[in-house]
Protein backbone atom coordinates (compact mmCIF):
# COMPACT_ATOMS: atom_id res chain seq x y z
CA MET A 1 0.00 0.00 0.00
CA PRO A 2 1.33 3.49 -0.80
CA LYS A 3 2.65 5.57 2.09
CA TYR A 4 2.07 9.26 2.69
CA MET A 5 3.66 11.77 5.05
CA ILE A 6 1.14 14.18 6.52
CA GLN A 7 2.39 17.45 8.01
CA ALA A 8 -0.21 19.62 9.71
CA SER A 9 -0.55 22.81 11.72
CA TYR A 10 -3.45 23.67 13.99
CA VAL A 11 -5.28 26.93 13.30
CA GLY A 12 -7.43 28.96 15.74
CA GLU A 13 -10.21 26.71 17.01
CA GLY A 14 -8.08 23.66 16.22
CA LEU A 15 -5.60 24.71 18.89
CA LYS A 16 -8.43 25.22 21.37
CA GLY A 17 -9.73 21.74 20.55
CA LEU A 18 -6.28 20.22 21.02
CA ILE A 19 -5.92 21.90 24.42
CA LYS A 20 -9.38 20.68 25.44
CA GLU A 21 -9.08 17.08 24.15
CA GLY A 22 -5.35 16.41 24.37
CA GLY A 23 -2.99 14.77 21.91
CA THR A 24 -4.00 11.14 22.28
CA LYS A 25 -7.66 11.89 21.47
CA ARG A 26 -6.62 13.55 18.21
CA ARG A 27 -4.41 10.58 17.31
CA GLU A 28 -7.34 8.23 18.02
CA GLU A 29 -9.61 10.25 15.73
CA VAL A 30 -7.05 10.34 12.91
CA THR A 31 -6.50 6.58 13.29
CA LYS A 32 -10.25 5.93 13.14
CA VAL A 33 -10.73 8.00 9.98
CA ILE A 34 -7.74 6.51 8.16
CA GLU A 35 -8.81 2.95 9.06
CA SER A 36 -12.37 3.67 7.88
CA MET A 37 -10.85 4.50 4.49
CA GLY A 38 -8.97 1.20 4.33
CA GLY A 39 -5.65 2.66 5.48
CA LYS A 40 -3.37 2.40 8.49
CA LEU A 41 -1.72 5.10 10.58
CA GLU A 42 1.93 4.08 10.87
CA SER A 43 3.22 6.95 13.01
CA PHE A 44 1.91 10.15 14.58
CA TYR A 45 4.08 12.73 16.33
CA TYR A 46 3.69 16.24 17.64
CA ALA A 47 6.59 18.50 16.69
CA PHE A 48 8.20 21.90 17.13
CA GLY A 49 8.78 24.01 14.05
CA ASP A 50 6.75 24.65 10.92
CA TYR A 51 4.30 21.82 11.62
CA ASP A 52 2.52 20.81 14.82
CA VAL A 53 1.89 17.23 13.70
CA VAL A 54 3.85 14.84 11.49
CA GLY A 55 2.56 11.40 10.60
CA VAL A 56 2.97 8.57 8.13
CA ALA A 57 -0.05 6.65 6.86
CA GLU A 58 -0.64 3.84 4.43
CA MET A 59 -3.63 4.47 2.18
CA PRO A 60 -5.13 2.22 -0.48
CA ASP A 61 -4.45 4.75 -3.26
CA ASN A 62 -3.88 8.41 -4.15
CA VAL A 63 -7.63 9.09 -4.36
CA SER A 64 -8.12 7.99 -0.74
CA SER A 65 -5.17 10.10 0.36
CA VAL A 66 -6.55 13.17 -1.41
CA ALA A 67 -10.01 12.57 0.09
CA PHE A 68 -8.45 12.49 3.56
CA SER A 69 -6.46 15.66 2.87
CA LEU A 70 -9.51 17.50 1.52
CA MET A 71 -11.57 16.49 4.57
CA ILE A 72 -9.05 17.69 7.16
CA ASN A 73 -8.19 20.90 5.31
CA ALA A 74 -11.88 21.72 4.75
CA SER A 75 -12.43 21.63 8.52
CA GLY A 76 -10.77 25.04 8.71
CA VAL A 77 -8.96 24.16 11.94
CA ILE A 78 -5.95 22.42 10.40
CA ASN A 79 -3.69 23.22 7.47
CA ALA A 80 -2.23 19.97 6.17
CA LYS A 81 0.25 19.01 3.50
CA THR A 82 0.53 15.47 2.12
CA THR A 83 3.66 14.05 0.51
CA VAL A 84 3.79 10.73 -1.36
CA LEU A 85 6.61 8.58 0.01
CA LEU A 86 8.67 6.30 -2.21
CA ASN A 87 10.75 3.38 -1.04
CA PRO A 88 14.21 2.52 -2.41
CA GLU A 89 12.74 -0.16 -4.68
CA ASP A 90 10.48 2.44 -6.31
CA ILE A 91 13.57 4.52 -7.09
CA ASP A 92 15.34 1.44 -8.47
CA GLN A 93 12.43 0.92 -10.88
CA ALA A 94 12.39 4.60 -11.85
CA THR A 95 16.11 4.61 -12.68
CA LYS A 96 15.58 1.71 -15.08
CA LYS A 97 12.86 3.50 -17.09
CA VAL A 98 14.06 4.99 -20.36
CA VAL A 99 12.74 8.48 -20.94
CA GLU A 100 13.27 10.43 -24.13
CA TYR A 101 13.70 14.13 -23.36
CA ARG A 102 15.14 17.15 -25.15
CA PRO A 103 16.11 20.01 -22.80
CA PRO A 104 14.96 23.49 -23.83
CA GLY A 105 17.23 25.09 -26.44
CA GLN A 106 18.98 21.87 -27.43
């Protein structure tokens, strides 16, 4: 199953909700939603820096991952960014693909 890194920051009411509910309740909710979509939450961490939360999830496909991202961003209390993760074997396959390309001006 494809893996995705989710980086998120709480906004306004989201921070208030986090303070009220605590971190483990939010992880439980994220786990429940991802599992209901046929995925699995692999890791979930709170962090300092640009993002408040960093996690890795397995999702059945890109469509499911986008649906999850749309849902959490539409809530208005979290800004999230999703990155597709590739394993070393994916890169091995990519390096073996022949691609015809002419750079601009050549």
